[in-house]
C-alpha atoms as a PDB file:
ATOM      1  CA  MET A   1      10.819 -49.447  32.298  1.00  0.00           C
ATOM      2  CA  SER A   2      10.283 -46.868  29.570  1.00  0.00           C
ATOM      3  CA  ASP A   3       8.717 -43.575  30.599  1.00  0.00           C
ATOM      4  CA  LEU A   4       7.388 -42.810  27.089  1.00  0.00           C
ATOM      5  CA  TRP A   5       3.881 -43.245  28.451  1.00  0.00           C
ATOM      6  CA  ARG A   6       4.277 -39.961  30.316  1.00  0.00           C
ATOM      7  CA  PRO A   7       2.835 -36.701  28.929  1.00  0.00           C
ATOM      8  CA  SER A   8       5.228 -34.191  27.404  1.00  0.00           C
ATOM      9  CA  CYS A   9       3.838 -31.233  29.311  1.00  0.00           C
ATOM     10  CA  SER A  10       3.273 -30.475  32.964  1.00  0.00           C
ATOM     11  CA  PRO A  11      -0.155 -30.377  34.648  1.00  0.00           C
ATOM     12  CA  GLU A  12       0.289 -26.596  34.826  1.00  0.00           C
ATOM     13  CA  LEU A  13       0.635 -26.372  31.035  1.00  0.00           C
ATOM     14  CA  LEU A  14      -2.489 -28.496  30.536  1.00  0.00           C
ATOM     15  CA  GLN A  15      -4.350 -25.936  32.617  1.00  0.00           C
ATOM     16  CA  ALA A  16      -2.691 -23.027  30.797  1.00  0.00           C
ATOM     17  CA  ARG A  17      -3.739 -24.408  27.395  1.00  0.00           C
ATOM     18  CA  ALA A  18      -7.331 -24.835  28.550  1.00  0.00           C
ATOM     19  CA  GLU A  19      -7.408 -21.258  29.829  1.00  0.00           C
ATOM     20  CA  LEU A  20      -5.837 -19.928  26.627  1.00  0.00           C
ATOM     21  CA  ASN A  21      -8.395 -21.744  24.462  1.00  0.00           C
ATOM     22  CA  PHE A  22     -11.178 -20.237  26.580  1.00  0.00           C
ATOM     23  CA  ARG A  23      -9.786 -16.710  26.224  1.00  0.00           C
ATOM     24  CA  LEU A  24      -9.345 -17.080  22.468  1.00  0.00           C
ATOM     25  CA  ARG A  25     -12.955 -18.185  22.085  1.00  0.00           C
ATOM     26  CA  GLU A  26     -14.187 -15.367  24.309  1.00  0.00           C
ATOM     27  CA  PHE A  27     -12.280 -12.821  22.191  1.00  0.00           C
ATOM     28  CA  PHE A  28     -14.083 -13.906  19.025  1.00  0.00           C
ATOM     29  CA  ARG A  29     -17.432 -14.380  20.730  1.00  0.00           C
ATOM     30  CA  GLY A  30     -17.243 -10.759  21.873  1.00  0.00           C
ATOM     31  CA  ARG A  31     -16.748  -9.701  18.249  1.00  0.00           C
ATOM     32  CA  GLN A  32     -19.530 -11.884  16.813  1.00  0.00           C
ATOM     33  CA  VAL A  33     -17.084 -14.039  14.844  1.00  0.00           C
ATOM     34  CA  LEU A  34     -18.594 -17.494  14.274  1.00  0.00           C
ATOM     35  CA  GLU A  35     -16.635 -20.583  15.330  1.00  0.00           C
ATOM     36  CA  VAL A  36     -16.714 -23.318  12.669  1.00  0.00           C
ATOM     37  CA  GLU A  37     -15.540 -26.926  12.463  1.00  0.00           C
ATOM     38  CA  LEU A  38     -13.905 -28.280   9.315  1.00  0.00           C
ATOM     39  CA  PRO A  39     -12.936 -31.725   7.993  1.00  0.00           C
ATOM     40  CA  VAL A  40      -9.441 -32.862   8.909  1.00  0.00           C
ATOM     41  CA  LEU A  41      -9.323 -35.286   5.962  1.00  0.00           C
ATOM     42  CA  ALA A  42      -9.622 -33.999   2.392  1.00  0.00           C
ATOM     43  CA  SER A  43      -9.217 -35.394  -1.120  1.00  0.00           C
ATOM     44  CA  SER A  44      -6.764 -32.640  -2.150  1.00  0.00           C
ATOM     45  CA  PHE A  45      -3.753 -30.919  -0.627  1.00  0.00           C
ATOM     46  CA  VAL A  46      -1.925 -27.613  -0.873  1.00  0.00           C
ATOM     47  CA  THR A  47       0.420 -27.134  -3.839  1.00  0.00           C
ATOM     48  CA  ASP A  48       3.063 -25.275  -1.782  1.00  0.00           C
ATOM     49  CA  PRO A  49       6.425 -26.872  -2.677  1.00  0.00           C
ATOM     50  CA  PHE A  50       7.648 -26.626   0.912  1.00  0.00           C
ATOM     51  CA  ILE A  51       4.772 -28.382   2.696  1.00  0.00           C
ATOM     52  CA  GLU A  52       4.328 -32.162   2.575  1.00  0.00           C
ATOM     53  CA  PRO A  53       1.222 -34.052   3.708  1.00  0.00           C
ATOM     54  CA  VAL A  54       0.440 -36.682   6.279  1.00  0.00           C
ATOM     55  CA  THR A  55      -1.820 -39.150   4.465  1.00  0.00           C
ATOM     56  CA  ALA A  56      -4.509 -41.650   5.415  1.00  0.00           C
ATOM     57  CA  ARG A  57      -6.217 -44.454   3.523  1.00  0.00           C
ATOM     58  CA  ASN A  58      -9.971 -45.020   3.481  1.00  0.00           C
ATOM     59  CA  ALA A  59     -11.969 -47.378   1.246  1.00  0.00           C
ATOM     60  CA  GLY A  60      -9.015 -47.743  -1.109  1.00  0.00           C
ATOM     61  CA  HIS A  61      -8.476 -43.997  -1.553  1.00  0.00           C
ATOM     62  CA  THR A  62      -5.729 -41.699  -0.275  1.00  0.00           C
ATOM     63  CA  TYR A  63      -6.752 -38.671   1.756  1.00  0.00           C
ATOM     64  CA  TYR A  64      -4.687 -35.837   3.180  1.00  0.00           C
ATOM     65  CA  LEU A  65      -4.682 -34.596   6.753  1.00  0.00           C
ATOM     66  CA  GLN A  66      -4.957 -30.868   6.291  1.00  0.00           C
ATOM     67  CA  SER A  67      -1.952 -28.610   6.778  1.00  0.00           C
ATOM     68  CA  SER A  68      -4.322 -25.673   7.255  1.00  0.00           C
ATOM     69  CA  PRO A  69      -8.102 -25.205   7.413  1.00  0.00           C
ATOM     70  CA  GLU A  70      -7.752 -22.393   4.843  1.00  0.00           C
ATOM     71  CA  TYR A  71      -9.315 -24.015   1.780  1.00  0.00           C
ATOM     72  CA  ALA A  72     -12.344 -25.339   3.646  1.00  0.00           C
ATOM     73  CA  MET A  73     -12.873 -22.028   5.428  1.00  0.00           C
ATOM     74  CA  LYS A  74     -12.862 -20.152   2.123  1.00  0.00           C
ATOM     75  CA  ARG A  75     -15.523 -22.499   0.808  1.00  0.00           C
ATOM     76  CA  LEU A  76     -17.631 -21.607   3.856  1.00  0.00           C
ATOM     77  CA  LEU A  77     -16.945 -17.900   3.297  1.00  0.00           C
ATOM     78  CA  ALA A  78     -18.245 -18.132  -0.267  1.00  0.00           C
ATOM     79  CA  GLU A  79     -21.503 -19.555   1.060  1.00  0.00           C
ATOM     80  CA  CYS A  80     -22.126 -17.752   4.370  1.00  0.00           C
ATOM     81  CA  GLN A  81     -20.406 -14.399   3.612  1.00  0.00           C
ATOM     82  CA  ARG A  82     -19.588 -13.718   7.268  1.00  0.00           C
ATOM     83  CA  CYS A  83     -16.606 -13.591   9.634  1.00  0.00           C
ATOM     84  CA  ILE A  84     -15.500 -17.018  10.890  1.00  0.00           C
ATOM     85  CA  TYR A  85     -12.729 -18.649  12.936  1.00  0.00           C
ATOM     86  CA  THR A  86     -11.587 -22.124  13.926  1.00  0.00           C
ATOM     87  CA  LEU A  87      -9.287 -23.617  16.555  1.00  0.00           C
ATOM     88  CA  THR A  88      -8.084 -26.913  15.144  1.00  0.00           C
ATOM     89  CA  LYS A  89      -5.342 -29.507  14.706  1.00  0.00           C
ATOM     90  CA  VAL A  90      -3.290 -29.415  11.504  1.00  0.00           C
ATOM     91  CA  PHE A  91      -0.591 -31.728  10.138  1.00  0.00           C
ATOM     92  CA  ARG A  92       2.657 -31.318   8.188  1.00  0.00           C
ATOM     93  CA  ALA A  93       4.947 -34.239   7.449  1.00  0.00           C
ATOM     94  CA  GLY A  94       8.552 -34.138   8.591  1.00  0.00           C
ATOM     95  CA  GLU A  95       8.252 -31.004  10.718  1.00  0.00           C
ATOM     96  CA  CYS A  96      10.046 -31.948  13.933  1.00  0.00           C
ATOM     97  CA  GLY A  97      12.217 -29.742  16.107  1.00  0.00           C
ATOM     98  CA  SER A  98      12.229 -27.310  18.996  1.00  0.00           C
ATOM     99  CA  ARG A  99       9.533 -25.178  17.280  1.00  0.00           C
ATOM    100  CA  HIS A 100       7.879 -27.807  15.060  1.00  0.00           C
ATOM    101  CA  ASN A 101       5.729 -30.902  15.564  1.00  0.00           C
ATOM    102  CA  PRO A 102       3.996 -32.834  12.750  1.00  0.00           C
ATOM    103  CA  GLU A 103       0.671 -32.274  14.548  1.00  0.00           C
ATOM    104  CA  PHE A 104       0.005 -28.844  15.996  1.00  0.00           C
ATOM    105  CA  THR A 105      -2.805 -26.440  16.893  1.00  0.00           C
ATOM    106  CA  MET A 106      -3.765 -23.549  14.650  1.00  0.00           C
ATOM    107  CA  LEU A 107      -6.085 -20.614  15.254  1.00  0.00           C
ATOM    108  CA  GLU A 108      -7.298 -19.283  11.911  1.00  0.00           C
ATOM    109  CA  TRP A 109      -9.799 -16.530  11.234  1.00  0.00           C
ATOM    110  CA  TYR A 110     -11.231 -14.453   8.386  1.00  0.00           C
ATOM    111  CA  ARG A 111     -12.568 -10.929   8.670  1.00  0.00           C
ATOM    112  CA  VAL A 112     -14.933  -9.803   5.915  1.00  0.00           C
ATOM    113  CA  GLY A 113     -14.313  -6.198   4.889  1.00  0.00           C
ATOM    114  CA  LEU A 114     -10.813  -5.911   6.372  1.00  0.00           C
ATOM    115  CA  ASP A 115      -7.517  -5.724   4.489  1.00  0.00           C
ATOM    116  CA  ASP A 116      -4.157  -6.939   5.791  1.00  0.00           C
ATOM    117  CA  HIS A 117      -3.501  -3.756   7.797  1.00  0.00           C
ATOM    118  CA  GLY A 118      -6.914  -3.934   9.435  1.00  0.00           C
ATOM    119  CA  LEU A 119      -6.267  -7.542  10.397  1.00  0.00           C
ATOM    120  CA  MET A 120      -2.842  -6.666  11.819  1.00  0.00           C
ATOM    121  CA  ARG A 121      -4.612  -4.290  14.180  1.00  0.00           C
ATOM    122  CA  GLU A 122      -6.918  -7.077  15.347  1.00  0.00           C
ATOM    123  CA  VAL A 123      -4.052  -9.526  15.844  1.00  0.00           C
ATOM    124  CA  GLY A 124      -2.393  -6.857  17.964  1.00  0.00           C
ATOM    125  CA  GLU A 125      -5.577  -6.368  19.999  1.00  0.00           C
ATOM    126  CA  LEU A 126      -5.829 -10.106  20.652  1.00  0.00           C
ATOM    127  CA  LEU A 127      -2.200 -10.380  21.778  1.00  0.00           C
ATOM    128  CA  CYS A 128      -2.495  -7.277  23.971  1.00  0.00           C
ATOM    129  CA  GLU A 129      -5.398  -8.909  25.816  1.00  0.00           C
ATOM    130  CA  LEU A 130      -3.194 -11.917  26.505  1.00  0.00           C
ATOM    131  CA  ILE A 131      -0.017  -9.913  27.237  1.00  0.00           C
ATOM    132  CA  PRO A 132      -0.911  -6.533  28.791  1.00  0.00           C
ATOM    133  CA  GLY A 133       1.570  -3.783  27.970  1.00  0.00           C
ATOM    134  CA  LEU A 134       2.879  -5.599  24.898  1.00  0.00           C
ATOM    135  CA  ASP A 135       4.925  -3.360  22.614  1.00  0.00           C
ATOM    136  CA  ILE A 136       3.901  -3.480  18.944  1.00  0.00           C
ATOM    137  CA  HIS A 137       6.256  -2.743  16.053  1.00  0.00           C
ATOM    138  CA  LYS A 138       5.456  -2.574  12.342  1.00  0.00           C
ATOM    139  CA  LEU A 139       7.709  -2.356   9.298  1.00  0.00           C
ATOM    140  CA  SER A 140       7.690  -3.301   5.644  1.00  0.00           C
ATOM    141  CA  TYR A 141       9.759  -6.148   4.234  1.00  0.00           C
ATOM    142  CA  ARG A 142      11.731  -3.529   2.271  1.00  0.00           C
ATOM    143  CA  GLN A 143      12.427  -1.510   5.425  1.00  0.00           C
ATOM    144  CA  TRP A 144      13.530  -4.668   7.265  1.00  0.00           C
ATOM    145  CA  PHE A 145      16.328  -5.288   4.763  1.00  0.00           C
ATOM    146  CA  SER A 146      17.120  -1.647   4.106  1.00  0.00           C
ATOM    147  CA  ASP A 147      17.575  -0.772   7.779  1.00  0.00           C
ATOM    148  CA  ARG A 148      19.999  -3.689   8.260  1.00  0.00           C
ATOM    149  CA  TRP A 149      22.005  -3.772   5.008  1.00  0.00           C
ATOM    150  CA  GLY A 150      20.877  -0.824   2.881  1.00  0.00           C
ATOM    151  CA  VAL A 151      19.482  -3.059   0.136  1.00  0.00           C
ATOM    152  CA  ASP A 152      16.050  -3.314  -1.473  1.00  0.00           C
ATOM    153  CA  PRO A 153      14.932  -6.972  -1.373  1.00  0.00           C
ATOM    154  CA  HIS A 154      12.454  -6.367  -4.198  1.00  0.00           C
ATOM    155  CA  THR A 155      15.041  -5.164  -6.713  1.00  0.00           C
ATOM    156  CA  ILE A 156      18.401  -6.574  -5.574  1.00  0.00           C
ATOM    157  CA  ALA A 157      20.068  -8.844  -8.142  1.00  0.00           C
ATOM    158  CA  LEU A 158      20.572 -12.501  -7.257  1.00  0.00           C
ATOM    159  CA  ALA A 159      24.375 -12.203  -7.515  1.00  0.00           C
ATOM    160  CA  GLU A 160      24.467  -9.322  -5.029  1.00  0.00           C
ATOM    161  CA  LEU A 161      22.036 -11.077  -2.691  1.00  0.00           C
ATOM    162  CA  ARG A 162      24.087 -14.278  -2.865  1.00  0.00           C
ATOM    163  CA  ALA A 163      27.267 -12.377  -2.012  1.00  0.00           C
ATOM    164  CA  LEU A 164      25.558 -10.806   1.001  1.00  0.00           C
ATOM    165  CA  GLY A 165      24.227 -14.165   2.147  1.00  0.00           C
ATOM    166  CA  LYS A 166      27.559 -15.953   1.721  1.00  0.00           C
ATOM    167  CA  SER A 167      29.265 -13.265   3.820  1.00  0.00           C
ATOM    168  CA  LEU A 168      26.921 -14.016   6.723  1.00  0.00           C
ATOM    169  CA  ILE A 169      25.838 -17.661   6.462  1.00  0.00           C
ATOM    170  CA  GLU A 170      27.915 -20.774   5.878  1.00  0.00           C
ATOM    171  CA  ILE A 171      25.854 -22.911   3.516  1.00  0.00           C
ATOM    172  CA  ASP A 172      26.088 -25.001   0.381  1.00  0.00           C
ATOM    173  CA  ASP A 173      24.109 -22.650  -1.833  1.00  0.00           C
ATOM    174  CA  THR A 174      23.829 -24.919  -4.865  1.00  0.00           C
ATOM    175  CA  GLY A 175      20.623 -24.085  -6.686  1.00  0.00           C
ATOM    176  CA  LEU A 176      19.340 -21.478  -4.229  1.00  0.00           C
ATOM    177  CA  ASP A 177      17.117 -18.892  -5.904  1.00  0.00           C
ATOM    178  CA  LYS A 178      16.387 -15.345  -4.777  1.00  0.00           C
ATOM    179  CA  ASP A 179      13.497 -16.256  -2.478  1.00  0.00           C
ATOM    180  CA  ALA A 180      15.569 -18.964  -0.812  1.00  0.00           C
ATOM    181  CA  TRP A 181      18.330 -16.454  -0.050  1.00  0.00           C
ATOM    182  CA  LEU A 182      15.825 -13.941   1.284  1.00  0.00           C
ATOM    183  CA  ASP A 183      14.331 -16.610   3.557  1.00  0.00           C
ATOM    184  CA  LEU A 184      17.777 -17.598   4.849  1.00  0.00           C
ATOM    185  CA  LEU A 185      18.630 -14.006   5.707  1.00  0.00           C
ATOM    186  CA  VAL A 186      15.296 -13.638   7.504  1.00  0.00           C
ATOM    187  CA  THR A 187      15.630 -16.809   9.592  1.00  0.00           C
ATOM    188  CA  HIS A 188      19.374 -16.556  10.322  1.00  0.00           C
ATOM    189  CA  GLU A 189      19.920 -12.814  10.661  1.00  0.00           C
ATOM    190  CA  LEU A 190      16.776 -10.678  10.851  1.00  0.00           C
ATOM    191  CA  GLU A 191      14.369 -12.731  12.947  1.00  0.00           C
ATOM    192  CA  PRO A 192      16.795 -13.415  15.850  1.00  0.00           C
ATOM    193  CA  SER A 193      17.469  -9.688  16.271  1.00  0.00           C
ATOM    194  CA  LEU A 194      13.844  -8.572  16.505  1.00  0.00           C
ATOM    195  CA  PRO A 195      12.962  -6.590  19.647  1.00  0.00           C
ATOM    196  CA  VAL A 196      10.865  -7.743  22.570  1.00  0.00           C
ATOM    197  CA  GLY A 197       7.183  -7.400  21.700  1.00  0.00           C
ATOM    198  CA  LEU A 198       5.043  -8.142  18.667  1.00  0.00           C
ATOM    199  CA  THR A 199       6.548  -7.209  15.284  1.00  0.00           C
ATOM    200  CA  PHE A 200       4.544  -7.131  12.055  1.00  0.00           C
ATOM    201  CA  VAL A 201       6.434  -7.366   8.766  1.00  0.00           C
ATOM    202  CA  HIS A 202       4.269  -6.594   5.722  1.00  0.00           C
ATOM    203  CA  ASP A 203       4.408  -6.108   1.935  1.00  0.00           C
ATOM    204  CA  PHE A 204       6.398  -9.211   1.010  1.00  0.00           C
ATOM    205  CA  PRO A 205       7.958  -9.823  -2.430  1.00  0.00           C
ATOM    206  CA  ALA A 206       5.316 -10.627  -5.040  1.00  0.00           C
ATOM    207  CA  SER A 207       7.028 -13.973  -5.642  1.00  0.00           C
ATOM    208  CA  GLN A 208       6.046 -14.951  -2.077  1.00  0.00           C
ATOM    209  CA  ALA A 209       2.376 -14.019  -2.418  1.00  0.00           C
ATOM    210  CA  ALA A 210       0.961 -17.552  -1.896  1.00  0.00           C
ATOM    211  CA  LEU A 211      -2.796 -16.840  -1.558  1.00  0.00           C
ATOM    212  CA  ALA A 212      -2.496 -13.069  -1.025  1.00  0.00           C
ATOM    213  CA  ARG A 213      -3.315 -10.205  -3.384  1.00  0.00           C
ATOM    214  CA  ILE A 214      -0.510  -8.474  -5.274  1.00  0.00           C
ATOM    215  CA  VAL A 215      -0.770  -4.666  -5.308  1.00  0.00           C
ATOM    216  CA  ASP A 216       1.683  -1.904  -6.263  1.00  0.00           C
ATOM    217  CA  ASP A 217       3.164  -0.163  -3.212  1.00  0.00           C
ATOM    218  CA  GLU A 218       4.013   3.536  -2.866  1.00  0.00           C
ATOM    219  CA  HIS A 219       7.186   2.969  -4.913  1.00  0.00           C
ATOM    220  CA  GLY A 220       5.239   1.389  -7.771  1.00  0.00           C
ATOM    221  CA  THR A 221       6.631  -2.065  -6.903  1.00  0.00           C
ATOM    222  CA  PRO A 222       4.233  -5.040  -6.989  1.00  0.00           C
ATOM    223  CA  VAL A 223       4.165  -6.505  -3.473  1.00  0.00           C
ATOM    224  CA  ALA A 224       2.275  -9.329  -1.810  1.00  0.00           C
ATOM    225  CA  ARG A 225      -0.291  -7.910   0.615  1.00  0.00           C
ATOM    226  CA  ARG A 226       0.584 -10.355   3.344  1.00  0.00           C
ATOM    227  CA  PHE A 227       2.195 -10.074   6.757  1.00  0.00           C
ATOM    228  CA  GLU A 228       4.035 -12.189   9.255  1.00  0.00           C
ATOM    229  CA  ALA A 229       3.848 -11.561  12.991  1.00  0.00           C
ATOM    230  CA  TYR A 230       6.823 -12.332  15.227  1.00  0.00           C
ATOM    231  CA  LEU A 231       6.509 -12.526  19.007  1.00  0.00           C
ATOM    232  CA  ALA A 232       9.317 -12.182  21.555  1.00  0.00           C
ATOM    233  CA  CYS A 233       8.460 -12.107  25.253  1.00  0.00           C
ATOM    234  CA  SER A 234      12.130 -11.831  26.234  1.00  0.00           C
ATOM    235  CA  PRO A 235      15.290 -10.741  24.388  1.00  0.00           C
ATOM    236  CA  GLY A 236      16.495 -13.096  21.670  1.00  0.00           C
ATOM    237  CA  THR A 237      13.390 -15.318  21.654  1.00  0.00           C
ATOM    238  CA  ALA A 238      11.512 -13.958  18.624  1.00  0.00           C
ATOM    239  CA  MET A 239       9.674 -16.557  16.575  1.00  0.00           C
ATOM    240  CA  GLU A 240       7.163 -16.429  13.758  1.00  0.00           C
ATOM    241  CA  LEU A 241       3.712 -16.627  15.302  1.00  0.00           C
ATOM    242  CA  ALA A 242       1.211 -15.780  12.553  1.00  0.00           C
ATOM    243  CA  ASN A 243       0.912 -15.389   8.796  1.00  0.00           C
ATOM    244  CA  GLY A 244      -1.859 -13.289   7.283  1.00  0.00           C
ATOM    245  CA  TYR A 245      -3.153 -12.280   3.842  1.00  0.00           C
ATOM    246  CA  TRP A 246      -5.393  -9.751   2.228  1.00  0.00           C
ATOM    247  CA  GLU A 247      -7.005 -12.659   0.471  1.00  0.00           C
ATOM    248  CA  LEU A 248      -6.902 -13.342  -3.240  1.00  0.00           C
ATOM    249  CA  THR A 249     -10.470 -13.806  -4.533  1.00  0.00           C
ATOM    250  CA  CYS A 250      -9.819 -14.325  -8.259  1.00  0.00           C
ATOM    251  CA  ALA A 251     -10.283 -17.962  -9.319  1.00  0.00           C
ATOM    252  CA  SER A 252      -8.282 -17.695 -12.557  1.00  0.00           C
ATOM    253  CA  GLU A 253      -5.287 -16.104 -10.801  1.00  0.00           C
ATOM    254  CA  GLN A 254      -5.469 -18.740  -8.065  1.00  0.00           C
ATOM    255  CA  ARG A 255      -5.421 -21.515 -10.679  1.00  0.00           C
ATOM    256  CA  ARG A 256      -2.394 -19.892 -12.337  1.00  0.00           C
ATOM    257  CA  ARG A 257      -0.559 -19.872  -9.011  1.00  0.00           C
ATOM    258  CA  PHE A 258      -1.463 -23.517  -8.377  1.00  0.00           C
ATOM    259  CA  ASP A 259      -0.047 -24.387 -11.805  1.00  0.00           C
ATOM    260  CA  CYS A 260       3.168 -22.487 -11.021  1.00  0.00           C
ATOM    261  CA  ASP A 261       3.518 -24.364  -7.719  1.00  0.00           C
ATOM    262  CA  LEU A 262       3.056 -27.704  -9.464  1.00  0.00           C
ATOM    263  CA  ALA A 263       5.669 -26.781 -12.071  1.00  0.00           C
ATOM    264  CA  ARG A 264       8.069 -25.855  -9.268  1.00  0.00           C
ATOM    265  CA  ARG A 265       7.375 -29.169  -7.554  1.00  0.00           C
ATOM    266  CA  GLN A 266       8.227 -30.996 -10.771  1.00  0.00           C
ATOM    267  CA  THR A 267      11.470 -29.023 -11.149  1.00  0.00           C
ATOM    268  CA  LEU A 268      12.454 -29.902  -7.580  1.00  0.00           C
ATOM    269  CA  GLY A 269      11.585 -33.572  -8.069  1.00  0.00           C
ATOM    270  CA  LEU A 270       8.782 -33.431  -5.518  1.00  0.00           C
ATOM    271  CA  PRO A 271       5.470 -35.316  -5.735  1.00  0.00           C
ATOM    272  CA  SER A 272       2.416 -33.431  -6.967  1.00  0.00           C
ATOM    273  CA  TYR A 273      -1.015 -33.482  -5.358  1.00  0.00           C
ATOM    274  CA  PRO A 274      -4.495 -32.877  -6.787  1.00  0.00           C
ATOM    275  CA  VAL A 275      -5.448 -29.213  -7.116  1.00  0.00           C
ATOM    276  CA  ASP A 276      -8.388 -28.306  -4.896  1.00  0.00           C
ATOM    277  CA  GLU A 277     -11.099 -27.753  -7.510  1.00  0.00           C
ATOM    278  CA  LYS A 278     -13.631 -27.189  -4.733  1.00  0.00           C
ATOM    279  CA  LEU A 279     -11.721 -24.120  -3.564  1.00  0.00           C
ATOM    280  CA  LEU A 280     -11.557 -22.811  -7.123  1.00  0.00           C
ATOM    281  CA  GLY A 281     -15.305 -23.400  -7.435  1.00  0.00           C
ATOM    282  CA  ALA A 282     -15.874 -21.358  -4.280  1.00  0.00           C
ATOM    283  CA  LEU A 283     -13.767 -18.506  -5.670  1.00  0.00           C
ATOM    284  CA  GLU A 284     -15.738 -18.616  -8.914  1.00  0.00           C
ATOM    285  CA  ARG A 285     -18.962 -18.453  -6.908  1.00  0.00           C
ATOM    286  CA  GLY A 286     -17.676 -15.335  -5.174  1.00  0.00           C
ATOM    287  CA  MET A 287     -15.759 -15.104  -1.903  1.00  0.00           C
ATOM    288  CA  PRO A 288     -16.210 -11.778  -0.087  1.00  0.00           C
ATOM    289  CA  ALA A 289     -13.329  -9.328   0.144  1.00  0.00           C
ATOM    290  CA  CYS A 290     -11.593 -10.260   3.378  1.00  0.00           C
ATOM    291  CA  ALA A 291      -8.339 -10.794   5.231  1.00  0.00           C
ATOM    292  CA  GLY A 292      -7.332 -14.002   6.963  1.00  0.00           C
ATOM    293  CA  VAL A 293      -4.626 -15.094   9.369  1.00  0.00           C
ATOM    294  CA  ALA A 294      -3.293 -18.339  10.842  1.00  0.00           C
ATOM    295  CA  LEU A 295      -1.699 -18.270  14.304  1.00  0.00           C
ATOM    296  CA  GLY A 296       0.314 -21.050  15.956  1.00  0.00           C
ATOM    297  CA  VAL A 297      -1.231 -21.682  19.370  1.00  0.00           C
ATOM    298  CA  ASP A 298       1.560 -23.959  20.604  1.00  0.00           C
ATOM    299  CA  ARG A 299       4.175 -21.296  19.810  1.00  0.00           C
ATOM    300  CA  LEU A 300       2.038 -18.729  21.590  1.00  0.00           C
ATOM    301  CA  LEU A 301       2.073 -20.956  24.681  1.00  0.00           C
ATOM    302  CA  MET A 302       5.849 -21.282  24.378  1.00  0.00           C
ATOM    303  CA  GLN A 303       6.207 -17.510  24.468  1.00  0.00           C
ATOM    304  CA  LEU A 304       3.683 -16.950  27.244  1.00  0.00           C
ATOM    305  CA  HIS A 305       5.480 -19.422  29.516  1.00  0.00           C
ATOM    306  CA  GLY A 306       9.101 -18.951  28.454  1.00  0.00           C
ATOM    307  CA  LEU A 307       9.508 -22.473  27.067  1.00  0.00           C
ATOM    308  CA  LYS A 308      12.299 -23.669  24.773  1.00  0.00           C
ATOM    309  CA  ARG A 309      10.602 -26.665  23.131  1.00  0.00           C
ATOM    310  CA  ILE A 310       7.184 -26.955  21.525  1.00  0.00           C
ATOM    311  CA  GLY A 311       6.843 -30.415  23.073  1.00  0.00           C
ATOM    312  CA  GLN A 312       6.586 -28.780  26.483  1.00  0.00           C
ATOM    313  CA  THR A 313       3.214 -27.334  25.446  1.00  0.00           C
ATOM    314  CA  LEU A 314       1.793 -30.601  24.055  1.00  0.00           C
ATOM    315  CA  SER A 315       0.056 -33.370  25.935  1.00  0.00           C
ATOM    316  CA  PHE A 316       2.123 -35.839  23.920  1.00  0.00           C
ATOM    317  CA  GLU A 317       4.776 -34.664  21.484  1.00  0.00           C
ATOM    318  CA  PHE A 318       5.357 -36.749  18.363  1.00  0.00           C
ATOM    319  CA  SER A 319       7.996 -39.019  19.922  1.00  0.00           C
ATOM    320  CA  ARG A 320       5.442 -40.037  22.583  1.00  0.00           C
ATOM    321  CA  ALA A 321       2.365 -40.289  20.334  1.00  0.00           C
END
C-alpha cells in the first residue's frame, strides 16, 4: 500500500512551525506592526521573466495564485500609511527541489520611514531573537566580487565576466547575458562559501533593481538599493533567506520597468501577463517612503533544525499534496 498519505514532516516539526509562527507574530506585535491578510487570487501577475504563475479558473476567467503578497500590500500602504506585515502562502510554478516547493510560506513586512539599511538592522534583530549569539556580516555586492576575484561587477565587461565564469563553471552559456553570469557566480561560487551566521549583501547592480530604488553609491555608480540575506547555521549550508528593497514609489518608473520586463519576456519566448494597474494606481495615489522584505519561513525552519530538504518542514510537500 502506498504511504503517500503520510505527512512530509515529523510531529516535532509541526510543533516547531507553530512555535516559530507564534514568535514571529510576537516580534511584530511588540513593534506595533499590523498583521494583514491579502487575497491569494488576483487578476494580474508579476512581470518578472523568471517567475511563472500557478493559475486558477473562476466564472470563465483566469486568475493567478500570488507569487508574493507585495503588490497587494503596497496598495494597503498607499491607503493606511502604516507599517504592516503578513505571514502567508505563496505559489510559483515549476519550483521543485531540495530548497523549493511550488507552494511555500512567506513572511513579508514593510517599515514606513526606513531605508534598506534600517530594514537590514531589523531583520538582524529578528533573527538574533530566534538564534541567540548569531554572527552578522554585511558587505556590498561590489565587495563580494572584489574580495574573491578582484573585479567590479558593476563595470566588468561581458567578455571578461564570461571568461571568469567559464573558468569556474561548466555550462552551455549560449545567450547568457551579464546578469545571468553574475547570478551563476553567486549561486555556484560565492553563496556556498559564505560564513556561518547571517550575511547581508547590498547595493546590487542597477539592472537587478526589480522594485527597488536606484541611487548612486559612493563611487558614483547607480546601484539598486536592495539586499539579500543569507543564513548558515553550520559550515557550508548558506542559503538565501530574504530579499529586501528600499521601495520604489514612482508610478511612471514602475510602469517603465514593467514594460522592460514584458519586452524581455517576449525576447525569451515566454508568455506575458497583465500588468497590475491597481498597483500603479496605488503608487500614483502616493505610497509612503518605506523599505520592505520577504523572508522564506520554510527555509528558516530548515536552518533552525539542520534539515536538508524543504519538504521536511512541510505538512505535505508537493509530491504528497
